[in-house]
Amino acid sequence: MLLTDAPCRPTIAVSDKAKAMAFYGDVLGLTFVEENPVGATFQCGGTFLEIYPTSLAGTAKNTVVGFEVTDLESSMRELRAQGVVFEEYERPLTGRQHPGPRATRPAMTGGM
């Protein structure tokens, strides 16, 4: 079975499901689909994003989700107005600035 045409759902570990639901829904503006005993689902860009609470949230040392936008500066301006903080970081293998800033929300663990 090939997965070429199968939709992919990023599944993100979060430390606080209620705070994460507010972040992804209210701050990032993703469309809430459902909450279930295991987590919650949001729709974005023709696909879905899942969140689930776990004590392992915030331990990933890699990017877990990325969003492609047509106007990065405008999108960043809107998100900053919602309290999102962007962190610039070095690419580990090249030493150059990463072209897309990482977004975090103060007091949020687990996430992007």
N, C-alpha and C. Protein backbone atom coordinates (compact mmCIF):
# COMPACT_ATOMS: atom_id res chain seq x y z
N MET A 1 0.84 -1.18 0.00
CA MET A 1 0.00 0.00 0.00
C MET A 1 0.88 1.24 0.00
N LEU A 2 0.70 2.08 -0.97
CA LEU A 2 1.44 3.34 -1.02
C LEU A 2 0.63 4.44 -0.36
N LEU A 3 1.30 5.36 0.29
CA LEU A 3 0.61 6.43 1.00
C LEU A 3 0.62 7.76 0.25
N THR A 4 1.00 7.72 -1.01
CA THR A 4 1.10 8.94 -1.80
C THR A 4 -0.16 9.79 -1.78
N ASP A 5 -1.30 9.19 -1.86
CA ASP A 5 -2.56 9.95 -1.90
C ASP A 5 -3.30 9.98 -0.57
N ALA A 6 -2.67 9.46 0.47
CA ALA A 6 -3.32 9.44 1.79
C ALA A 6 -3.05 10.76 2.51
N PRO A 7 -4.09 11.40 3.05
CA PRO A 7 -3.88 12.63 3.82
C PRO A 7 -2.98 12.35 5.02
N CYS A 8 -2.18 13.32 5.37
CA CYS A 8 -1.28 13.22 6.52
C CYS A 8 -1.78 14.15 7.62
N ARG A 9 -1.81 13.67 8.85
CA ARG A 9 -2.29 14.47 9.98
C ARG A 9 -1.17 14.65 11.00
N PRO A 10 -0.58 15.84 11.06
CA PRO A 10 0.39 16.08 12.13
C PRO A 10 -0.31 15.86 13.47
N THR A 11 0.35 15.17 14.37
CA THR A 11 -0.20 14.88 15.68
C THR A 11 0.77 15.44 16.71
N ILE A 12 0.31 16.42 17.47
CA ILE A 12 1.20 17.19 18.33
C ILE A 12 0.93 16.94 19.80
N ALA A 13 1.99 16.61 20.53
CA ALA A 13 1.91 16.41 21.98
C ALA A 13 1.79 17.77 22.66
N VAL A 14 0.87 17.89 23.61
CA VAL A 14 0.68 19.13 24.36
C VAL A 14 0.63 18.82 25.86
N SER A 15 1.03 19.80 26.67
CA SER A 15 1.02 19.57 28.12
C SER A 15 -0.33 19.91 28.74
N ASP A 16 -1.07 20.81 28.11
CA ASP A 16 -2.36 21.25 28.64
C ASP A 16 -3.34 21.33 27.47
N LYS A 17 -4.26 20.39 27.40
CA LYS A 17 -5.17 20.31 26.25
C LYS A 17 -6.02 21.57 26.10
N ALA A 18 -6.54 22.10 27.18
CA ALA A 18 -7.39 23.30 27.11
C ALA A 18 -6.62 24.50 26.58
N LYS A 19 -5.40 24.71 27.09
CA LYS A 19 -4.57 25.83 26.61
C LYS A 19 -4.20 25.63 25.15
N ALA A 20 -3.87 24.41 24.78
CA ALA A 20 -3.50 24.12 23.40
C ALA A 20 -4.68 24.33 22.46
N MET A 21 -5.87 23.93 22.90
CA MET A 21 -7.06 24.14 22.07
C MET A 21 -7.29 25.64 21.85
N ALA A 22 -7.10 26.44 22.88
CA ALA A 22 -7.25 27.89 22.75
C ALA A 22 -6.19 28.44 21.81
N PHE A 23 -4.96 27.94 21.92
CA PHE A 23 -3.87 28.42 21.06
C PHE A 23 -4.14 28.10 19.59
N TYR A 24 -4.40 26.85 19.29
CA TYR A 24 -4.59 26.45 17.89
C TYR A 24 -5.89 27.00 17.30
N GLY A 25 -6.93 27.10 18.11
CA GLY A 25 -8.21 27.62 17.62
C GLY A 25 -8.30 29.12 17.64
N ASP A 26 -8.09 29.73 18.81
CA ASP A 26 -8.29 31.17 18.96
C ASP A 26 -7.11 32.00 18.44
N VAL A 27 -5.90 31.57 18.72
CA VAL A 27 -4.72 32.35 18.34
C VAL A 27 -4.32 32.10 16.89
N LEU A 28 -4.16 30.83 16.52
CA LEU A 28 -3.76 30.53 15.14
C LEU A 28 -4.93 30.54 14.18
N GLY A 29 -6.15 30.46 14.70
CA GLY A 29 -7.34 30.54 13.86
C GLY A 29 -7.69 29.28 13.11
N LEU A 30 -7.19 28.13 13.57
CA LEU A 30 -7.56 26.87 12.91
C LEU A 30 -9.00 26.54 13.26
N THR A 31 -9.66 25.86 12.35
CA THR A 31 -11.07 25.50 12.53
C THR A 31 -11.18 24.28 13.43
N PHE A 32 -11.85 24.44 14.57
CA PHE A 32 -12.07 23.33 15.50
C PHE A 32 -13.02 22.33 14.86
N VAL A 33 -12.66 21.04 14.90
CA VAL A 33 -13.48 19.98 14.34
C VAL A 33 -14.15 19.18 15.45
N GLU A 34 -13.33 18.66 16.38
CA GLU A 34 -13.92 17.87 17.46
C GLU A 34 -12.93 17.73 18.61
N GLU A 35 -13.50 17.51 19.78
CA GLU A 35 -12.72 17.13 20.96
C GLU A 35 -13.15 15.71 21.30
N ASN A 36 -12.18 14.91 21.67
CA ASN A 36 -12.48 13.53 22.06
C ASN A 36 -11.69 13.20 23.31
N PRO A 37 -11.89 12.05 23.91
CA PRO A 37 -11.18 11.72 25.15
C PRO A 37 -9.65 11.72 25.00
N VAL A 38 -9.18 11.46 23.80
CA VAL A 38 -7.74 11.38 23.57
C VAL A 38 -7.13 12.73 23.24
N GLY A 39 -7.86 13.63 22.61
CA GLY A 39 -7.30 14.91 22.20
C GLY A 39 -8.32 15.78 21.51
N ALA A 40 -7.86 16.47 20.47
CA ALA A 40 -8.74 17.35 19.70
C ALA A 40 -8.22 17.45 18.27
N THR A 41 -9.12 17.80 17.36
CA THR A 41 -8.80 17.89 15.95
C THR A 41 -9.16 19.28 15.44
N PHE A 42 -8.27 19.83 14.60
CA PHE A 42 -8.50 21.11 13.94
C PHE A 42 -8.29 20.92 12.45
N GLN A 43 -9.01 21.70 11.65
CA GLN A 43 -8.85 21.65 10.20
C GLN A 43 -8.05 22.87 9.77
N CYS A 44 -7.16 22.64 8.80
CA CYS A 44 -6.37 23.75 8.26
C CYS A 44 -5.81 23.34 6.89
N GLY A 45 -5.91 24.26 5.96
CA GLY A 45 -5.30 24.03 4.65
C GLY A 45 -5.72 22.76 3.95
N GLY A 46 -6.96 22.32 4.14
CA GLY A 46 -7.44 21.12 3.46
C GLY A 46 -7.04 19.83 4.13
N THR A 47 -6.43 19.90 5.30
CA THR A 47 -6.07 18.70 6.04
C THR A 47 -6.40 18.92 7.52
N PHE A 48 -5.87 18.09 8.38
CA PHE A 48 -6.20 18.18 9.80
C PHE A 48 -4.93 18.18 10.64
N LEU A 49 -5.06 18.72 11.84
CA LEU A 49 -4.01 18.72 12.83
C LEU A 49 -4.61 18.17 14.12
N GLU A 50 -3.91 17.24 14.74
CA GLU A 50 -4.39 16.60 15.97
C GLU A 50 -3.52 17.05 17.13
N ILE A 51 -4.11 17.21 18.31
CA ILE A 51 -3.35 17.44 19.53
C ILE A 51 -3.74 16.38 20.56
N TYR A 52 -2.81 16.04 21.41
CA TYR A 52 -3.12 15.09 22.49
C TYR A 52 -2.24 15.42 23.69
N PRO A 53 -2.81 15.34 24.90
CA PRO A 53 -2.03 15.64 26.09
C PRO A 53 -1.12 14.47 26.49
N THR A 54 0.10 14.81 26.90
CA THR A 54 1.05 13.82 27.37
C THR A 54 2.13 14.52 28.19
N SER A 55 2.73 13.79 29.11
CA SER A 55 3.84 14.34 29.89
C SER A 55 5.09 14.52 29.04
N LEU A 56 5.10 13.98 27.85
CA LEU A 56 6.25 14.12 26.94
C LEU A 56 6.19 15.40 26.10
N ALA A 57 5.14 16.19 26.24
CA ALA A 57 5.02 17.43 25.47
C ALA A 57 6.21 18.34 25.73
N GLY A 58 6.67 18.97 24.67
CA GLY A 58 7.77 19.91 24.79
C GLY A 58 9.14 19.27 24.76
N THR A 59 9.22 17.97 24.58
CA THR A 59 10.52 17.30 24.59
C THR A 59 11.10 17.09 23.19
N ALA A 60 10.30 17.32 22.15
CA ALA A 60 10.80 17.16 20.78
C ALA A 60 11.85 18.22 20.50
N LYS A 61 12.94 17.84 19.91
CA LYS A 61 14.00 18.77 19.57
C LYS A 61 13.98 19.06 18.07
N ASN A 62 12.81 18.96 17.50
CA ASN A 62 12.65 19.16 16.06
C ASN A 62 11.33 19.87 15.80
N THR A 63 11.16 20.35 14.59
CA THR A 63 9.91 20.96 14.19
C THR A 63 8.85 19.87 14.07
N VAL A 64 7.65 20.11 14.58
CA VAL A 64 6.60 19.11 14.50
C VAL A 64 5.50 19.49 13.52
N VAL A 65 5.42 20.77 13.15
CA VAL A 65 4.44 21.20 12.16
C VAL A 65 4.91 22.52 11.55
N GLY A 66 4.60 22.70 10.29
CA GLY A 66 4.92 23.95 9.61
C GLY A 66 3.72 24.40 8.79
N PHE A 67 3.58 25.70 8.61
CA PHE A 67 2.48 26.25 7.83
C PHE A 67 3.05 27.07 6.68
N GLU A 68 2.55 26.84 5.48
CA GLU A 68 2.95 27.64 4.33
C GLU A 68 1.96 28.77 4.17
N VAL A 69 2.45 30.00 4.17
CA VAL A 69 1.59 31.17 4.01
C VAL A 69 2.07 31.98 2.81
N THR A 70 1.16 32.73 2.20
CA THR A 70 1.52 33.50 1.02
C THR A 70 2.25 34.80 1.37
N ASP A 71 2.00 35.36 2.54
CA ASP A 71 2.63 36.61 2.95
C ASP A 71 3.15 36.44 4.38
N LEU A 72 4.43 36.07 4.49
CA LEU A 72 5.01 35.76 5.78
C LEU A 72 4.98 36.96 6.72
N GLU A 73 5.39 38.13 6.24
CA GLU A 73 5.44 39.31 7.10
C GLU A 73 4.06 39.67 7.65
N SER A 74 3.05 39.65 6.80
CA SER A 74 1.69 39.96 7.24
C SER A 74 1.19 38.92 8.24
N SER A 75 1.46 37.65 7.96
CA SER A 75 1.03 36.58 8.86
C SER A 75 1.71 36.73 10.22
N MET A 76 3.01 37.04 10.21
CA MET A 76 3.73 37.22 11.47
C MET A 76 3.18 38.42 12.24
N ARG A 77 2.87 39.48 11.55
CA ARG A 77 2.30 40.68 12.19
C ARG A 77 0.98 40.34 12.88
N GLU A 78 0.11 39.61 12.18
CA GLU A 78 -1.18 39.21 12.75
C GLU A 78 -1.00 38.31 13.96
N LEU A 79 -0.07 37.36 13.86
CA LEU A 79 0.16 36.44 14.97
C LEU A 79 0.80 37.15 16.16
N ARG A 80 1.71 38.07 15.90
CA ARG A 80 2.29 38.85 17.00
C ARG A 80 1.20 39.62 17.75
N ALA A 81 0.22 40.14 17.01
CA ALA A 81 -0.89 40.86 17.64
C ALA A 81 -1.70 39.94 18.55
N GLN A 82 -1.61 38.63 18.31
CA GLN A 82 -2.30 37.63 19.15
C GLN A 82 -1.42 37.13 20.29
N GLY A 83 -0.20 37.68 20.41
CA GLY A 83 0.70 37.28 21.49
C GLY A 83 1.70 36.20 21.13
N VAL A 84 1.77 35.81 19.86
CA VAL A 84 2.73 34.79 19.45
C VAL A 84 4.12 35.41 19.39
N VAL A 85 5.11 34.70 19.90
CA VAL A 85 6.50 35.13 19.89
C VAL A 85 7.23 34.29 18.85
N PHE A 86 8.01 34.93 18.00
CA PHE A 86 8.79 34.22 16.99
C PHE A 86 10.24 34.15 17.43
N GLU A 87 10.81 32.96 17.35
CA GLU A 87 12.20 32.75 17.71
C GLU A 87 13.01 32.50 16.45
N GLU A 88 14.08 33.27 16.26
CA GLU A 88 14.99 33.03 15.15
C GLU A 88 16.05 32.05 15.66
N TYR A 89 16.46 31.12 14.83
CA TYR A 89 17.47 30.17 15.25
C TYR A 89 18.35 29.77 14.08
N GLU A 90 19.50 29.27 14.41
CA GLU A 90 20.47 28.84 13.41
C GLU A 90 20.12 27.46 12.89
N ARG A 91 20.39 27.25 11.61
CA ARG A 91 20.24 25.91 11.06
C ARG A 91 21.40 25.08 11.60
N PRO A 92 21.13 23.91 12.13
CA PRO A 92 22.21 23.13 12.75
C PRO A 92 23.31 22.70 11.80
N LEU A 93 22.99 22.41 10.56
CA LEU A 93 24.02 21.89 9.65
C LEU A 93 24.71 22.96 8.83
N THR A 94 24.08 24.11 8.63
CA THR A 94 24.68 25.12 7.75
C THR A 94 25.13 26.38 8.48
N GLY A 95 24.60 26.63 9.68
CA GLY A 95 24.95 27.84 10.40
C GLY A 95 24.24 29.07 9.88
N ARG A 96 23.40 28.93 8.83
CA ARG A 96 22.66 30.07 8.29
C ARG A 96 21.35 30.24 9.02
N GLN A 97 20.79 31.43 8.93
CA GLN A 97 19.47 31.66 9.52
C GLN A 97 18.43 30.80 8.82
N HIS A 98 17.54 30.25 9.57
CA HIS A 98 16.43 29.47 9.03
C HIS A 98 15.48 30.46 8.35
N PRO A 99 14.98 30.16 7.16
CA PRO A 99 14.12 31.11 6.45
C PRO A 99 12.75 31.32 7.09
N GLY A 100 12.29 30.39 7.90
CA GLY A 100 10.98 30.53 8.52
C GLY A 100 11.09 30.52 10.03
N PRO A 101 10.73 31.62 10.68
CA PRO A 101 10.82 31.68 12.13
C PRO A 101 9.94 30.64 12.80
N ARG A 102 10.30 30.28 13.99
CA ARG A 102 9.53 29.33 14.80
C ARG A 102 8.61 30.14 15.69
N ALA A 103 7.36 29.75 15.76
CA ALA A 103 6.38 30.48 16.56
C ALA A 103 6.11 29.73 17.86
N THR A 104 6.10 30.47 18.94
CA THR A 104 5.74 29.89 20.23
C THR A 104 4.85 30.88 20.94
N ARG A 105 4.18 30.44 21.93
CA ARG A 105 3.34 31.31 22.75
C ARG A 105 3.89 31.27 24.17
N PRO A 106 4.10 32.40 24.81
CA PRO A 106 4.60 32.38 26.18
C PRO A 106 3.75 31.46 27.06
N ALA A 107 4.41 30.73 27.92
CA ALA A 107 3.78 29.81 28.87
C ALA A 107 3.13 28.61 28.20
N MET A 108 3.41 28.36 26.93
CA MET A 108 2.89 27.18 26.25
C MET A 108 4.04 26.19 26.10
N THR A 109 3.82 24.94 26.47
CA THR A 109 4.82 23.93 26.21
C THR A 109 4.22 22.95 25.23
N GLY A 110 5.07 22.35 24.47
CA GLY A 110 4.58 21.50 23.40
C GLY A 110 3.95 22.41 22.38
N GLY A 111 3.92 22.07 21.20
CA GLY A 111 3.32 22.96 20.23
C GLY A 111 4.04 22.84 18.92
N MET A 112 4.48 23.93 18.43
CA MET A 112 4.98 23.96 17.09
C MET A 112 6.39 23.45 17.02
